[in-house]
Amino acid sequence: MMKGIYIILFGILLNFQSFGQDVHFVQTSATPILLNPAATGVFPGWERVSVAHRQQWFTLGSPYMTTQISADLNLFKQIQNKQKAHMGIGINFYNDIAGDGKLGINQGSLLLSGIVNITEDQTISAGLEIGAAQQSIKMNNLNWGSQFNGEGFDKDIIPAEGNSAASLVYADIGAGIFYNLQNVTSTLSRKEIQRVYAGVSYYHINAPRREFYNGSIDQLARKFVGLAGAEIDIPNSKFVLAPSIAAIFQGPNSLLLGTLAAKFRVKDGTKYTGIYNNTYLNFGINYRNADAIAPMFGMEINNYRFGIAYEFNISPLQASTNSQGSFEISFQWANFQTAMFQGRRTKGYKKPGGM
């Protein structure tokens, strides 16, 4: 009886991991290529590096931890000829660890995008992500029914339920399209930026099949992501509005993440030389439907961007978490000046706008 109960509970855990949402961060602007491979290379610069770390439900004893690192760059981009298409290339890595069994996933991906200039201010891109993932679990961290000796669980007893794989590897494929409009208007004192972006992406196209228990096949549900947002410079003010929304559908589950944010311009960048960029203080609030709210704060200084967010749980789980959800930090660096990989074709290029 106990054996059956534990097998059922373990199956529920696997289903939660497989058919629940994939990893995500509430600071969606800090992890652009995690949500859409077509966003690779879509920024007004040349090279970009992004790092994010999230620690969730640490009041439950075994926190869920997620770390993501990505880098992307533009190839064959020519400022002098804005009608010419170019490429974006990037890599993305993330690690996710959950629960007492340390159910974890390590995934690395190569991303490629083709970016076409519709007009001088608008681009549309298509992207492809090809990667491999390793999923693992530490079985000896878990208690099994056959280890119950009548008074408690005896770790010295070899569990009869241990006939399972501790690690597996599978291929994963994703694709997407992305639209970006970025208009820069020069005023007497500075450059004002208006940006609108939107995209859709489709992940786990190959529906990877995974097996922890012998004879028990788990198929990773396909995922659809819709993302849209804007950065709107308010005329004659120091504020920039930056709302965004992400909708994620995977298997029977769905997630809606909305952000209402603003940026306060602390210092104007140099208008003509492009040596220094605007300095901003960023603040806002994120809402994940029926689950959490997350105030956030950040800064943009020249080529660097920092952000922190803290989630307060508002779901029925708040009775166990004391309303505490997760802590999240992000860092992003982008090269807006001379391209490392473009040579003399980009000599003299000055940054047109923000990230």
Protein backbone atom coordinates (compact mmCIF):
# COMPACT_ATOMS: atom_id res chain seq x y z
CA MET A 1 0.00 0.00 0.00
CA MET A 2 2.72 2.45 1.02
CA LYS A 3 4.69 1.55 -2.10
CA GLY A 4 1.72 2.39 -4.29
CA ILE A 5 1.18 5.71 -2.51
CA TYR A 6 4.78 6.78 -3.00
CA ILE A 7 4.79 5.80 -6.65
CA ILE A 8 1.66 7.89 -7.16
CA LEU A 9 3.16 10.88 -5.33
CA PHE A 10 6.37 10.61 -7.36
CA GLY A 11 4.31 10.46 -10.54
CA ILE A 12 2.47 13.61 -9.53
CA LEU A 13 5.81 15.33 -8.98
CA LEU A 14 6.97 14.35 -12.44
CA ASN A 15 3.73 15.51 -14.00
CA PHE A 16 3.99 18.84 -12.22
CA GLN A 17 7.49 19.30 -13.60
CA SER A 18 6.58 18.08 -17.08
CA PHE A 19 3.16 19.53 -17.71
CA GLY A 20 3.45 22.62 -15.57
CA GLN A 21 5.16 25.73 -16.83
CA ASP A 22 8.78 25.68 -17.95
CA VAL A 23 11.20 27.98 -16.21
CA HIS A 24 10.47 31.69 -16.51
CA PHE A 25 11.40 34.97 -14.83
CA VAL A 26 9.10 37.83 -13.88
CA GLN A 27 11.65 40.28 -15.32
CA THR A 28 10.87 39.30 -18.91
CA SER A 29 12.89 42.19 -20.40
CA ALA A 30 16.02 40.74 -18.76
CA THR A 31 15.63 37.34 -20.46
CA PRO A 32 14.50 38.13 -24.03
CA ILE A 33 15.82 35.06 -25.84
CA LEU A 34 14.49 32.71 -23.18
CA LEU A 35 10.96 33.57 -24.33
CA ASN A 36 11.52 33.81 -28.08
CA PRO A 37 14.51 32.64 -30.16
CA ALA A 38 13.59 35.19 -32.82
CA ALA A 39 14.57 37.97 -30.36
CA THR A 40 18.21 36.87 -30.79
CA GLY A 41 20.18 39.86 -32.05
CA VAL A 42 17.17 42.21 -31.96
CA PHE A 43 18.57 45.18 -30.04
CA PRO A 44 20.31 48.42 -31.07
CA GLY A 45 23.82 47.17 -30.52
CA TRP A 46 26.22 44.36 -31.33
CA GLU A 47 26.86 41.98 -28.44
CA ARG A 48 24.73 41.29 -25.37
CA VAL A 49 25.07 39.11 -22.26
CA SER A 50 22.20 38.40 -19.84
CA VAL A 51 22.22 36.64 -16.46
CA ALA A 52 19.25 35.94 -14.16
CA HIS A 53 18.82 33.97 -10.95
CA ARG A 54 15.60 33.05 -9.15
CA GLN A 55 15.04 31.38 -5.78
CA GLN A 56 11.45 30.36 -5.08
CA TRP A 57 9.51 29.07 -2.06
CA PHE A 58 12.51 29.10 0.30
CA THR A 59 10.13 28.99 3.30
CA LEU A 60 9.14 25.42 2.37
CA GLY A 61 12.53 23.98 3.28
CA SER A 62 13.87 23.02 -0.18
CA PRO A 63 13.79 26.10 -2.41
CA TYR A 64 13.37 25.93 -6.17
CA MET A 65 16.38 27.61 -7.81
CA THR A 66 16.74 28.67 -11.43
CA THR A 67 19.76 30.28 -13.12
CA GLN A 68 19.93 31.44 -16.72
CA ILE A 69 22.89 32.74 -18.75
CA SER A 70 22.67 33.83 -22.39
CA ALA A 71 24.76 35.69 -24.94
CA ASP A 72 23.83 36.89 -28.42
CA LEU A 73 25.32 39.06 -31.14
CA ASN A 74 24.60 40.49 -34.58
CA LEU A 75 26.33 39.28 -37.74
CA PHE A 76 26.51 41.13 -41.09
CA LYS A 77 24.66 44.13 -39.63
CA GLN A 78 25.28 47.33 -41.60
CA ILE A 79 24.10 50.67 -40.25
CA GLN A 80 24.84 52.37 -43.57
CA ASN A 81 22.42 50.06 -45.39
CA LYS A 82 19.34 49.58 -43.21
CA GLN A 83 17.49 47.73 -45.94
CA LYS A 84 19.91 44.82 -45.79
CA ALA A 85 18.95 41.77 -43.74
CA HIS A 86 21.35 40.33 -41.17
CA MET A 87 21.66 37.46 -38.71
CA GLY A 88 21.59 36.99 -34.98
CA ILE A 89 23.34 34.14 -33.21
CA GLY A 90 23.25 33.23 -29.55
CA ILE A 91 23.63 30.60 -26.86
CA ASN A 92 21.40 30.02 -23.86
CA PHE A 93 21.98 27.92 -20.74
CA TYR A 94 19.79 27.38 -17.74
CA ASN A 95 19.76 25.21 -14.64
CA ASP A 96 16.67 24.47 -12.56
CA ILE A 97 16.59 22.51 -9.26
CA ALA A 98 13.38 21.66 -7.38
CA GLY A 99 12.38 20.01 -4.11
CA ASP A 100 13.95 17.50 -1.73
CA GLY A 101 14.77 15.12 -4.58
CA LYS A 102 16.69 17.90 -6.38
CA LEU A 103 14.68 17.22 -9.50
CA GLY A 104 16.76 19.26 -11.91
CA ILE A 105 17.31 20.15 -15.50
CA ASN A 106 20.38 21.50 -17.30
CA GLN A 107 19.77 22.75 -20.81
CA GLY A 108 21.99 24.35 -23.42
CA SER A 109 20.78 25.73 -26.73
CA LEU A 110 22.07 27.31 -29.91
CA LEU A 111 19.88 30.10 -31.31
CA LEU A 112 19.84 31.48 -34.86
CA SER A 113 17.70 34.30 -36.24
CA GLY A 114 17.22 36.03 -39.56
CA ILE A 115 16.40 39.74 -39.17
CA VAL A 116 14.76 41.67 -42.01
CA ASN A 117 14.37 45.45 -42.06
CA ILE A 118 10.80 46.34 -43.05
CA THR A 119 11.50 50.09 -42.81
CA GLU A 120 14.27 52.15 -41.26
CA ASP A 121 12.65 51.76 -37.81
CA GLN A 122 11.00 48.32 -38.06
CA THR A 123 12.31 44.77 -38.23
CA ILE A 124 10.75 41.35 -38.31
CA SER A 125 12.72 38.23 -37.51
CA ALA A 126 12.36 34.46 -37.44
CA GLY A 127 14.37 32.31 -35.08
CA LEU A 128 15.23 28.70 -34.37
CA GLU A 129 16.48 27.11 -31.14
CA ILE A 130 18.17 23.71 -31.09
CA GLY A 131 19.29 22.31 -27.77
CA ALA A 132 19.84 19.37 -25.49
CA ALA A 133 18.68 18.89 -21.91
CA GLN A 134 19.71 16.64 -19.07
CA GLN A 135 17.16 15.91 -16.37
CA SER A 136 18.12 14.23 -13.12
CA ILE A 137 16.89 13.39 -9.63
CA LYS A 138 18.64 12.29 -6.45
CA MET A 139 16.67 9.19 -5.47
CA ASN A 140 18.52 8.73 -2.18
CA ASN A 141 17.15 12.07 -0.96
CA LEU A 142 13.60 10.70 -1.04
CA ASN A 143 11.73 8.46 1.40
CA TRP A 144 10.12 5.32 -0.06
CA GLY A 145 7.37 3.09 1.23
CA SER A 146 9.60 0.03 1.55
CA GLN A 147 11.91 2.02 3.86
CA PHE A 148 9.18 2.44 6.49
CA ASN A 149 10.01 0.17 9.44
CA GLY A 150 6.84 0.76 11.47
CA GLU A 151 8.18 3.74 13.37
CA GLY A 152 9.83 5.84 10.72
CA PHE A 153 11.86 5.78 7.51
CA ASP A 154 15.16 3.90 7.63
CA LYS A 155 17.63 5.19 5.04
CA ASP A 156 19.76 2.07 5.46
CA ILE A 157 17.03 -0.03 3.83
CA ILE A 158 17.52 -0.29 0.06
CA PRO A 159 14.19 0.81 -1.47
CA ALA A 160 12.33 -1.65 -3.64
CA GLU A 161 11.05 1.33 -5.66
CA GLY A 162 14.59 2.21 -6.79
CA ASN A 163 14.22 0.57 -10.20
CA SER A 164 14.43 3.87 -12.06
CA ALA A 165 16.78 6.10 -13.98
CA ALA A 166 18.52 8.89 -12.07
CA SER A 167 19.38 10.87 -15.21
CA LEU A 168 18.24 11.19 -18.82
CA VAL A 169 19.11 13.31 -21.86
CA TYR A 170 16.88 14.50 -24.69
CA ALA A 171 16.91 16.91 -27.64
CA ASP A 172 14.67 19.98 -27.70
CA ILE A 173 13.61 22.30 -30.52
CA GLY A 174 11.85 25.69 -30.53
CA ALA A 175 11.03 28.43 -33.05
CA GLY A 176 9.47 31.89 -33.13
CA ILE A 177 8.82 35.15 -34.95
CA PHE A 178 9.40 38.64 -33.53
CA TYR A 179 8.42 42.18 -34.56
CA ASN A 180 10.30 45.24 -33.30
CA LEU A 181 9.72 48.96 -33.89
CA GLN A 182 12.22 51.41 -32.47
CA ASN A 183 11.92 55.08 -33.34
CA VAL A 184 14.39 57.69 -32.12
CA THR A 185 13.37 61.37 -32.17
CA SER A 186 15.93 64.09 -31.48
CA THR A 187 14.88 67.03 -29.30
CA LEU A 188 16.92 70.07 -28.31
CA SER A 189 18.28 68.34 -25.22
CA ARG A 190 18.21 64.59 -25.90
CA LYS A 191 17.03 61.66 -27.98
CA GLU A 192 13.56 60.29 -27.18
CA ILE A 193 12.91 56.61 -27.83
CA GLN A 194 9.63 54.94 -28.72
CA ARG A 195 9.71 51.15 -28.90
CA VAL A 196 7.00 48.56 -29.52
CA TYR A 197 7.65 44.83 -29.79
CA ALA A 198 5.63 41.62 -30.09
CA GLY A 199 6.32 37.99 -30.82
CA VAL A 200 5.08 34.44 -30.71
CA SER A 201 7.12 31.29 -30.14
CA TYR A 202 6.58 27.55 -30.02
CA TYR A 203 8.72 25.28 -27.82
CA HIS A 204 9.22 21.51 -27.49
CA ILE A 205 8.20 21.08 -31.12
CA ASN A 206 9.59 17.55 -31.12
CA ALA A 207 7.64 16.71 -27.90
CA PRO A 208 10.63 15.04 -26.18
CA ARG A 209 9.95 11.65 -24.59
CA ARG A 210 11.49 11.02 -21.17
CA GLU A 211 11.58 7.97 -18.94
CA PHE A 212 12.42 7.87 -15.24
CA TYR A 213 10.64 4.65 -14.33
CA ASN A 214 11.23 1.62 -16.54
CA GLY A 215 8.30 1.31 -18.90
CA SER A 216 6.83 4.68 -17.86
CA ILE A 217 7.09 7.24 -20.65
CA ASP A 218 6.70 10.95 -19.91
CA GLN A 219 6.25 13.26 -22.91
CA LEU A 220 7.10 16.94 -22.51
CA ALA A 221 4.10 19.05 -23.50
CA ARG A 222 4.53 21.59 -26.27
CA LYS A 223 4.53 25.23 -25.20
CA PHE A 224 3.19 28.38 -26.90
CA VAL A 225 4.37 31.83 -25.82
CA GLY A 226 2.97 35.24 -26.77
CA LEU A 227 4.90 38.36 -25.74
CA ALA A 228 4.27 42.07 -26.28
CA GLY A 229 5.53 45.29 -24.75
CA ALA A 230 6.56 48.90 -25.27
CA GLU A 231 8.89 51.62 -24.05
CA ILE A 232 7.36 55.04 -24.53
CA ASP A 233 9.26 58.24 -23.76
CA ILE A 234 6.79 60.77 -22.31
CA PRO A 235 7.46 64.14 -24.01
CA ASN A 236 8.76 66.97 -21.80
CA SER A 237 9.28 64.65 -18.85
CA LYS A 238 11.90 62.37 -17.35
CA PHE A 239 9.68 59.28 -17.45
CA VAL A 240 9.46 56.32 -19.81
CA LEU A 241 6.49 53.96 -19.58
CA ALA A 242 7.43 50.29 -20.06
CA PRO A 243 4.41 47.92 -19.91
CA SER A 244 4.61 44.32 -21.11
CA ILE A 245 2.59 41.12 -21.10
CA ALA A 246 3.49 37.46 -21.62
CA ALA A 247 1.01 34.60 -22.10
CA ILE A 248 2.29 31.02 -21.80
CA PHE A 249 0.30 27.89 -22.62
CA GLN A 250 1.72 24.43 -22.00
CA GLY A 251 -0.35 21.28 -21.95
CA PRO A 252 -3.46 21.87 -19.82
CA ASN A 253 -1.86 24.80 -17.97
CA SER A 254 -1.57 28.49 -18.73
CA LEU A 255 0.17 31.50 -17.25
CA LEU A 256 -0.37 35.22 -17.74
CA LEU A 257 2.37 37.59 -16.61
CA GLY A 258 1.71 41.33 -16.79
CA THR A 259 4.17 44.12 -16.00
CA LEU A 260 3.45 47.78 -15.37
CA ALA A 261 6.78 49.57 -15.17
CA ALA A 262 8.35 52.98 -15.61
CA LYS A 263 11.85 54.35 -16.03
CA PHE A 264 13.00 57.64 -14.51
CA ARG A 265 15.79 59.41 -16.37
CA VAL A 266 18.40 60.41 -13.83
CA LYS A 267 20.91 61.68 -16.36
CA ASP A 268 20.76 62.37 -20.10
CA GLY A 269 23.29 60.70 -22.33
CA THR A 270 25.47 62.63 -24.75
CA LYS A 271 23.29 63.47 -27.73
CA TYR A 272 25.81 63.74 -30.57
CA THR A 273 28.90 61.77 -29.57
CA GLY A 274 27.08 58.73 -28.15
CA ILE A 275 29.89 58.22 -25.63
CA TYR A 276 27.51 58.10 -22.67
CA ASN A 277 23.97 56.69 -22.61
CA ASN A 278 20.97 57.70 -20.53
CA THR A 279 20.99 56.68 -16.87
CA TYR A 280 17.66 55.35 -15.55
CA LEU A 281 16.08 54.19 -12.34
CA ASN A 282 13.55 51.45 -13.13
CA PHE A 283 10.59 50.49 -10.99
CA GLY A 284 7.31 48.65 -11.42
CA ILE A 285 5.16 45.73 -10.43
CA ASN A 286 4.53 42.32 -11.99
CA TYR A 287 1.37 40.24 -11.64
CA ARG A 288 1.16 36.51 -12.36
CA ASN A 289 -2.48 35.49 -12.65
CA ALA A 290 -3.94 34.14 -9.38
CA ASP A 291 -0.47 33.35 -8.08
CA ALA A 292 1.83 36.26 -7.17
CA ILE A 293 2.62 39.96 -7.31
CA ALA A 294 6.23 41.11 -7.58
CA PRO A 295 7.51 44.65 -7.05
CA MET A 296 10.75 45.28 -8.91
CA PHE A 297 13.51 47.87 -8.98
CA GLY A 298 16.52 48.38 -11.22
CA MET A 299 19.06 50.69 -12.83
CA GLU A 300 20.48 51.28 -16.30
CA ILE A 301 23.93 52.84 -16.32
CA ASN A 302 25.61 53.25 -19.69
CA ASN A 303 25.89 49.69 -21.11
CA TYR A 304 24.80 47.93 -17.90
CA ARG A 305 21.39 47.01 -16.58
CA PHE A 306 20.58 45.61 -13.12
CA GLY A 307 17.26 44.45 -11.69
CA ILE A 308 15.78 42.86 -8.58
CA ALA A 309 12.26 41.59 -7.89
CA TYR A 310 10.56 39.99 -4.92
CA GLU A 311 7.39 37.92 -5.23
CA PHE A 312 4.58 37.82 -2.70
CA ASN A 313 2.49 34.71 -3.04
CA ILE A 314 -1.29 35.27 -3.27
CA SER A 315 -2.34 31.73 -4.23
CA PRO A 316 -3.79 29.15 -1.77
CA LEU A 317 -0.16 28.13 -1.16
CA GLN A 318 0.35 31.33 0.86
CA ALA A 319 -0.78 29.49 4.02
CA SER A 320 2.42 27.43 3.80
CA THR A 321 4.71 30.11 2.38
CA ASN A 322 3.58 32.98 4.67
CA SER A 323 2.87 34.84 1.39
CA GLN A 324 6.57 34.73 0.49
CA GLY A 325 7.25 33.62 -3.07
CA SER A 326 10.63 34.20 -4.68
CA PHE A 327 13.61 36.51 -4.96
CA GLU A 328 14.99 37.30 -8.40
CA ILE A 329 18.02 39.24 -9.65
CA SER A 330 19.14 40.05 -13.18
CA PHE A 331 22.10 41.59 -14.96
CA GLN A 332 22.54 42.60 -18.58
CA TRP A 333 25.42 44.09 -20.54
CA ALA A 334 25.21 45.23 -24.15
CA ASN A 335 27.83 46.70 -26.46
CA PHE A 336 26.29 49.74 -28.15
CA GLN A 337 29.49 51.12 -29.65
CA THR A 338 31.97 49.49 -32.06
CA ALA A 339 31.17 45.89 -32.91
CA MET A 340 33.76 43.31 -31.88
CA PHE A 341 33.00 41.08 -34.87
CA GLN A 342 32.11 43.57 -37.62
CA GLY A 343 35.39 45.30 -38.43
CA ARG A 344 35.51 48.57 -40.35
CA ARG A 345 32.00 48.28 -41.73
CA THR A 346 30.64 49.74 -38.46
CA LYS A 347 33.36 52.30 -37.78
CA GLY A 348 31.89 55.48 -36.36
CA TYR A 349 28.59 53.92 -35.37
CA LYS A 350 26.83 55.64 -32.44
CA LYS A 351 24.17 54.03 -30.30
CA PRO A 352 20.63 54.94 -31.48
CA GLY A 353 18.78 54.11 -28.28
CA GLY A 354 18.31 51.87 -25.23
CA MET A 355 18.29 48.11 -24.77
